[in-house]
Amino acid sequence: MATKSVNAKSKRFDVRVPHNIADAVERLKEDGESTGQFVVTALEGEIKRRQRKQARTESES
């Protein structure tokens, strides 16, 4: 049975990644950490990094 791709708490992403990235994720995940948890943590970090960069750019204008 298929599940919805969007619910009240989350949205599903299906992506393809290069083999070297997938291998690095598997190597670097902490004990008990799921791939989903790893990806969400990485995305949160990248979002914060880009928000800081955008804020710096806007403050320089």
PDB file of N, CA and C in Angstrom:
ATOM      1  N   MET A   1       0.837  -1.175   0.000  1.00  0.00           N
ATOM      2  CA  MET A   1       0.000   0.000   0.000  1.00  0.00           C
ATOM      3  C   MET A   1       0.888   1.247   0.000  1.00  0.00           C
ATOM      4  N   ALA A   2       0.657   2.115  -0.950  1.00  0.00           N
ATOM      5  CA  ALA A   2       1.444   3.339  -1.052  1.00  0.00           C
ATOM      6  C   ALA A   2       0.988   4.349  -0.005  1.00  0.00           C
ATOM      7  N   THR A   3       1.950   5.106   0.488  1.00  0.00           N
ATOM      8  CA  THR A   3       1.613   6.157   1.452  1.00  0.00           C
ATOM      9  C   THR A   3       1.705   7.502   0.754  1.00  0.00           C
ATOM     10  N   LYS A   4       1.034   8.481   1.307  1.00  0.00           N
ATOM     11  CA  LYS A   4       1.097   9.832   0.743  1.00  0.00           C
ATOM     12  C   LYS A   4       2.517  10.370   0.854  1.00  0.00           C
ATOM     13  N   SER A   5       2.874  11.240  -0.078  1.00  0.00           N
ATOM     14  CA  SER A   5       4.211  11.832  -0.019  1.00  0.00           C
ATOM     15  C   SER A   5       4.257  13.039   0.912  1.00  0.00           C
ATOM     16  N   VAL A   6       3.087  13.529   1.349  1.00  0.00           N
ATOM     17  CA  VAL A   6       3.031  14.664   2.270  1.00  0.00           C
ATOM     18  C   VAL A   6       2.024  14.344   3.358  1.00  0.00           C
ATOM     19  N   ASN A   7       2.406  14.605   4.609  1.00  0.00           N
ATOM     20  CA  ASN A   7       1.457  14.484   5.711  1.00  0.00           C
ATOM     21  C   ASN A   7       1.619  15.701   6.608  1.00  0.00           C
ATOM     22  N   ALA A   8       1.033  15.657   7.789  1.00  0.00           N
ATOM     23  CA  ALA A   8       1.051  16.821   8.675  1.00  0.00           C
ATOM     24  C   ALA A   8       2.448  17.174   9.179  1.00  0.00           C
ATOM     25  N   LYS A   9       3.359  16.208   9.225  1.00  0.00           N
ATOM     26  CA  LYS A   9       4.673  16.456   9.827  1.00  0.00           C
ATOM     27  C   LYS A   9       5.832  16.465   8.843  1.00  0.00           C
ATOM     28  N   SER A  10       5.650  15.879   7.671  1.00  0.00           N
ATOM     29  CA  SER A  10       6.806  15.744   6.793  1.00  0.00           C
ATOM     30  C   SER A  10       6.400  15.638   5.331  1.00  0.00           C
ATOM     31  N   LYS A  11       7.426  15.734   4.480  1.00  0.00           N
ATOM     32  CA  LYS A  11       7.263  15.560   3.045  1.00  0.00           C
ATOM     33  C   LYS A  11       8.316  14.567   2.588  1.00  0.00           C
ATOM     34  N   ARG A  12       7.940  13.649   1.731  1.00  0.00           N
ATOM     35  CA  ARG A  12       8.855  12.613   1.256  1.00  0.00           C
ATOM     36  C   ARG A  12       9.626  13.125   0.038  1.00  0.00           C
ATOM     37  N   PHE A  13      10.941  12.894   0.043  1.00  0.00           N
ATOM     38  CA  PHE A  13      11.799  13.196  -1.094  1.00  0.00           C
ATOM     39  C   PHE A  13      12.401  11.888  -1.587  1.00  0.00           C
ATOM     40  N   ASP A  14      12.332  11.650  -2.865  1.00  0.00           N
ATOM     41  CA  ASP A  14      13.023  10.509  -3.464  1.00  0.00           C
ATOM     42  C   ASP A  14      14.106  11.082  -4.364  1.00  0.00           C
ATOM     43  N   VAL A  15      15.349  10.814  -4.024  1.00  0.00           N
ATOM     44  CA  VAL A  15      16.465  11.384  -4.783  1.00  0.00           C
ATOM     45  C   VAL A  15      17.482  10.305  -5.119  1.00  0.00           C
ATOM     46  N   ARG A  16      18.231  10.560  -6.174  1.00  0.00           N
ATOM     47  CA  ARG A  16      19.349   9.692  -6.536  1.00  0.00           C
ATOM     48  C   ARG A  16      20.629  10.449  -6.187  1.00  0.00           C
ATOM     49  N   VAL A  17      21.584   9.748  -5.613  1.00  0.00           N
ATOM     50  CA  VAL A  17      22.860  10.376  -5.264  1.00  0.00           C
ATOM     51  C   VAL A  17      23.992   9.555  -5.858  1.00  0.00           C
ATOM     52  N   PRO A  18      25.109  10.200  -6.152  1.00  0.00           N
ATOM     53  CA  PRO A  18      26.260   9.458  -6.666  1.00  0.00           C
ATOM     54  C   PRO A  18      26.708   8.386  -5.661  1.00  0.00           C
ATOM     55  N   HIS A  19      27.277   7.315  -6.189  1.00  0.00           N
ATOM     56  CA  HIS A  19      27.724   6.204  -5.341  1.00  0.00           C
ATOM     57  C   HIS A  19      28.694   6.654  -4.260  1.00  0.00           C
ATOM     58  N   ASN A  20      29.610   7.563  -4.597  1.00  0.00           N
ATOM     59  CA  ASN A  20      30.601   7.984  -3.603  1.00  0.00           C
ATOM     60  C   ASN A  20      29.945   8.726  -2.438  1.00  0.00           C
ATOM     61  N   ILE A  21      28.879   9.481  -2.703  1.00  0.00           N
ATOM     62  CA  ILE A  21      28.160  10.176  -1.627  1.00  0.00           C
ATOM     63  C   ILE A  21      27.426   9.157  -0.761  1.00  0.00           C
ATOM     64  N   ALA A  22      26.746   8.211  -1.399  1.00  0.00           N
ATOM     65  CA  ALA A  22      26.019   7.179  -0.652  1.00  0.00           C
ATOM     66  C   ALA A  22      26.975   6.361   0.210  1.00  0.00           C
ATOM     67  N   ASP A  23      28.136   6.031  -0.330  1.00  0.00           N
ATOM     68  CA  ASP A  23      29.132   5.273   0.440  1.00  0.00           C
ATOM     69  C   ASP A  23      29.626   6.080   1.636  1.00  0.00           C
ATOM     70  N   ALA A  24      29.853   7.377   1.439  1.00  0.00           N
ATOM     71  CA  ALA A  24      30.321   8.230   2.536  1.00  0.00           C
ATOM     72  C   ALA A  24      29.266   8.332   3.628  1.00  0.00           C
ATOM     73  N   VAL A  25      27.996   8.443   3.246  1.00  0.00           N
ATOM     74  CA  VAL A  25      26.918   8.495   4.238  1.00  0.00           C
ATOM     75  C   VAL A  25      26.939   7.225   5.078  1.00  0.00           C
ATOM     76  N   GLU A  26      27.011   6.085   4.430  1.00  0.00           N
ATOM     77  CA  GLU A  26      27.012   4.811   5.162  1.00  0.00           C
ATOM     78  C   GLU A  26      28.215   4.709   6.098  1.00  0.00           C
ATOM     79  N   ARG A  27      29.363   5.199   5.649  1.00  0.00           N
ATOM     80  CA  ARG A  27      30.584   5.142   6.454  1.00  0.00           C
ATOM     81  C   ARG A  27      30.516   6.068   7.654  1.00  0.00           C
ATOM     82  N   LEU A  28      29.864   7.214   7.494  1.00  0.00           N
ATOM     83  CA  LEU A  28      29.919   8.262   8.508  1.00  0.00           C
ATOM     84  C   LEU A  28      28.725   8.302   9.452  1.00  0.00           C
ATOM     85  N   LYS A  29      27.671   7.553   9.155  1.00  0.00           N
ATOM     86  CA  LYS A  29      26.519   7.532  10.063  1.00  0.00           C
ATOM     87  C   LYS A  29      26.959   7.029  11.427  1.00  0.00           C
ATOM     88  N   GLU A  30      26.380   7.627  12.468  1.00  0.00           N
ATOM     89  CA  GLU A  30      26.675   7.181  13.825  1.00  0.00           C
ATOM     90  C   GLU A  30      25.882   5.916  14.134  1.00  0.00           C
ATOM     91  N   ASP A  31      26.317   5.165  15.145  1.00  0.00           N
ATOM     92  CA  ASP A  31      25.609   3.948  15.541  1.00  0.00           C
ATOM     93  C   ASP A  31      24.156   4.274  15.855  1.00  0.00           C
ATOM     94  N   GLY A  32      23.249   3.536  15.258  1.00  0.00           N
ATOM     95  CA  GLY A  32      21.831   3.725  15.509  1.00  0.00           C
ATOM     96  C   GLY A  32      21.186   4.833  14.698  1.00  0.00           C
ATOM     97  N   GLU A  33      21.980   5.580  13.945  1.00  0.00           N
ATOM     98  CA  GLU A  33      21.439   6.684  13.144  1.00  0.00           C
ATOM     99  C   GLU A  33      20.953   6.144  11.802  1.00  0.00           C
ATOM    100  N   SER A  34      19.750   6.530  11.419  1.00  0.00           N
ATOM    101  CA  SER A  34      19.226   6.099  10.126  1.00  0.00           C
ATOM    102  C   SER A  34      19.752   7.024   9.028  1.00  0.00           C
ATOM    103  N   THR A  35      19.656   6.551   7.806  1.00  0.00           N
ATOM    104  CA  THR A  35      20.045   7.387   6.675  1.00  0.00           C
ATOM    105  C   THR A  35      19.177   8.638   6.634  1.00  0.00           C
ATOM    106  N   GLY A  36      17.901   8.488   6.925  1.00  0.00           N
ATOM    107  CA  GLY A  36      16.996   9.637   6.955  1.00  0.00           C
ATOM    108  C   GLY A  36      17.420  10.672   7.974  1.00  0.00           C
ATOM    109  N   GLN A  37      17.803  10.217   9.165  1.00  0.00           N
ATOM    110  CA  GLN A  37      18.262  11.144  10.208  1.00  0.00           C
ATOM    111  C   GLN A  37      19.529  11.865   9.762  1.00  0.00           C
ATOM    112  N   PHE A  38      20.442  11.130   9.148  1.00  0.00           N
ATOM    113  CA  PHE A  38      21.682  11.721   8.655  1.00  0.00           C
ATOM    114  C   PHE A  38      21.375  12.806   7.625  1.00  0.00           C
ATOM    115  N   VAL A  39      20.499  12.489   6.685  1.00  0.00           N
ATOM    116  CA  VAL A  39      20.167  13.428   5.619  1.00  0.00           C
ATOM    117  C   VAL A  39      19.471  14.666   6.178  1.00  0.00           C
ATOM    118  N   VAL A  40      18.535  14.491   7.092  1.00  0.00           N
ATOM    119  CA  VAL A  40      17.834  15.639   7.679  1.00  0.00           C
ATOM    120  C   VAL A  40      18.822  16.541   8.411  1.00  0.00           C
ATOM    121  N   THR A  41      19.734  15.959   9.178  1.00  0.00           N
ATOM    122  CA  THR A  41      20.742  16.750   9.892  1.00  0.00           C
ATOM    123  C   THR A  41      21.621  17.518   8.909  1.00  0.00           C
ATOM    124  N   ALA A  42      22.022  16.855   7.828  1.00  0.00           N
ATOM    125  CA  ALA A  42      22.847  17.518   6.816  1.00  0.00           C
ATOM    126  C   ALA A  42      22.082  18.649   6.139  1.00  0.00           C
ATOM    127  N   LEU A  43      20.819  18.420   5.833  1.00  0.00           N
ATOM    128  CA  LEU A  43      20.007  19.463   5.203  1.00  0.00           C
ATOM    129  C   LEU A  43      19.813  20.652   6.130  1.00  0.00           C
ATOM    130  N   GLU A  44      19.567  20.392   7.407  1.00  0.00           N
ATOM    131  CA  GLU A  44      19.415  21.483   8.379  1.00  0.00           C
ATOM    132  C   GLU A  44      20.678  22.337   8.429  1.00  0.00           C
ATOM    133  N   GLY A  45      21.837  21.684   8.441  1.00  0.00           N
ATOM    134  CA  GLY A  45      23.103  22.415   8.466  1.00  0.00           C
ATOM    135  C   GLY A  45      23.306  23.253   7.218  1.00  0.00           C
ATOM    136  N   GLU A  46      22.967  22.697   6.069  1.00  0.00           N
ATOM    137  CA  GLU A  46      23.122  23.434   4.809  1.00  0.00           C
ATOM    138  C   GLU A  46      22.149  24.606   4.733  1.00  0.00           C
ATOM    139  N   ILE A  47      20.931  24.420   5.204  1.00  0.00           N
ATOM    140  CA  ILE A  47      19.953  25.517   5.221  1.00  0.00           C
ATOM    141  C   ILE A  47      20.460  26.661   6.090  1.00  0.00           C
ATOM    142  N   LYS A  48      20.957  26.351   7.281  1.00  0.00           N
ATOM    143  CA  LYS A  48      21.482  27.390   8.177  1.00  0.00           C
ATOM    144  C   LYS A  48      22.664  28.111   7.544  1.00  0.00           C
ATOM    145  N   ARG A  49      23.553  27.362   6.901  1.00  0.00           N
ATOM    146  CA  ARG A  49      24.726  27.954   6.253  1.00  0.00           C
ATOM    147  C   ARG A  49      24.296  28.935   5.166  1.00  0.00           C
ATOM    148  N   ARG A  50      23.341  28.529   4.356  1.00  0.00           N
ATOM    149  CA  ARG A  50      22.886  29.398   3.266  1.00  0.00           C
ATOM    150  C   ARG A  50      22.117  30.606   3.783  1.00  0.00           C
ATOM    151  N   GLN A  51      21.360  30.435   4.865  1.00  0.00           N
ATOM    152  CA  GLN A  51      20.649  31.574   5.457  1.00  0.00           C
ATOM    153  C   GLN A  51      21.637  32.604   5.986  1.00  0.00           C
ATOM    154  N   ARG A  52      22.709  32.138   6.644  1.00  0.00           N
ATOM    155  CA  ARG A  52      23.732  33.067   7.139  1.00  0.00           C
ATOM    156  C   ARG A  52      24.405  33.795   5.979  1.00  0.00           C
ATOM    157  N   LYS A  53      24.714  33.054   4.918  1.00  0.00           N
ATOM    158  CA  LYS A  53      25.347  33.649   3.742  1.00  0.00           C
ATOM    159  C   LYS A  53      24.422  34.690   3.118  1.00  0.00           C
ATOM    160  N   GLN A  54      23.151  34.374   3.000  1.00  0.00           N
ATOM    161  CA  GLN A  54      22.180  35.307   2.425  1.00  0.00           C
ATOM    162  C   GLN A  54      22.043  36.556   3.291  1.00  0.00           C
ATOM    163  N   ALA A  55      22.017  36.381   4.605  1.00  0.00           N
ATOM    164  CA  ALA A  55      21.901  37.525   5.518  1.00  0.00           C
ATOM    165  C   ALA A  55      23.123  38.432   5.393  1.00  0.00           C
ATOM    166  N   ARG A  56      24.314  37.845   5.275  1.00  0.00           N
ATOM    167  CA  ARG A  56      25.534  38.643   5.094  1.00  0.00           C
ATOM    168  C   ARG A  56      25.469  39.424   3.789  1.00  0.00           C
ATOM    169  N   THR A  57      25.040  38.769   2.727  1.00  0.00           N
ATOM    170  CA  THR A  57      24.948  39.418   1.422  1.00  0.00           C
ATOM    171  C   THR A  57      23.961  40.572   1.458  1.00  0.00           C
ATOM    172  N   GLU A  58      22.816  40.363   2.099  1.00  0.00           N
ATOM    173  CA  GLU A  58      21.797  41.410   2.177  1.00  0.00           C
ATOM    174  C   GLU A  58      22.255  42.575   3.052  1.00  0.00           C
ATOM    175  N   SER A  59      23.016  42.291   4.105  1.00  0.00           N
ATOM    176  CA  SER A  59      23.477  43.374   4.987  1.00  0.00           C
ATOM    177  C   SER A  59      24.575  44.206   4.328  1.00  0.00           C
ATOM    178  N   GLU A  60      25.286  43.624   3.375  1.00  0.00           N
ATOM    179  CA  GLU A  60      26.329  44.354   2.656  1.00  0.00           C
ATOM    180  C   GLU A  60      25.744  45.260   1.584  1.00  0.00           C
ATOM    181  N   SER A  61      24.521  45.002   1.175  1.00  0.00           N
ATOM    182  CA  SER A  61      23.887  45.794   0.096  1.00  0.00           C
ATOM    183  C   SER A  61      23.406  47.131   0.590  1.00  0.00           C
TER     184      SER A  61
END
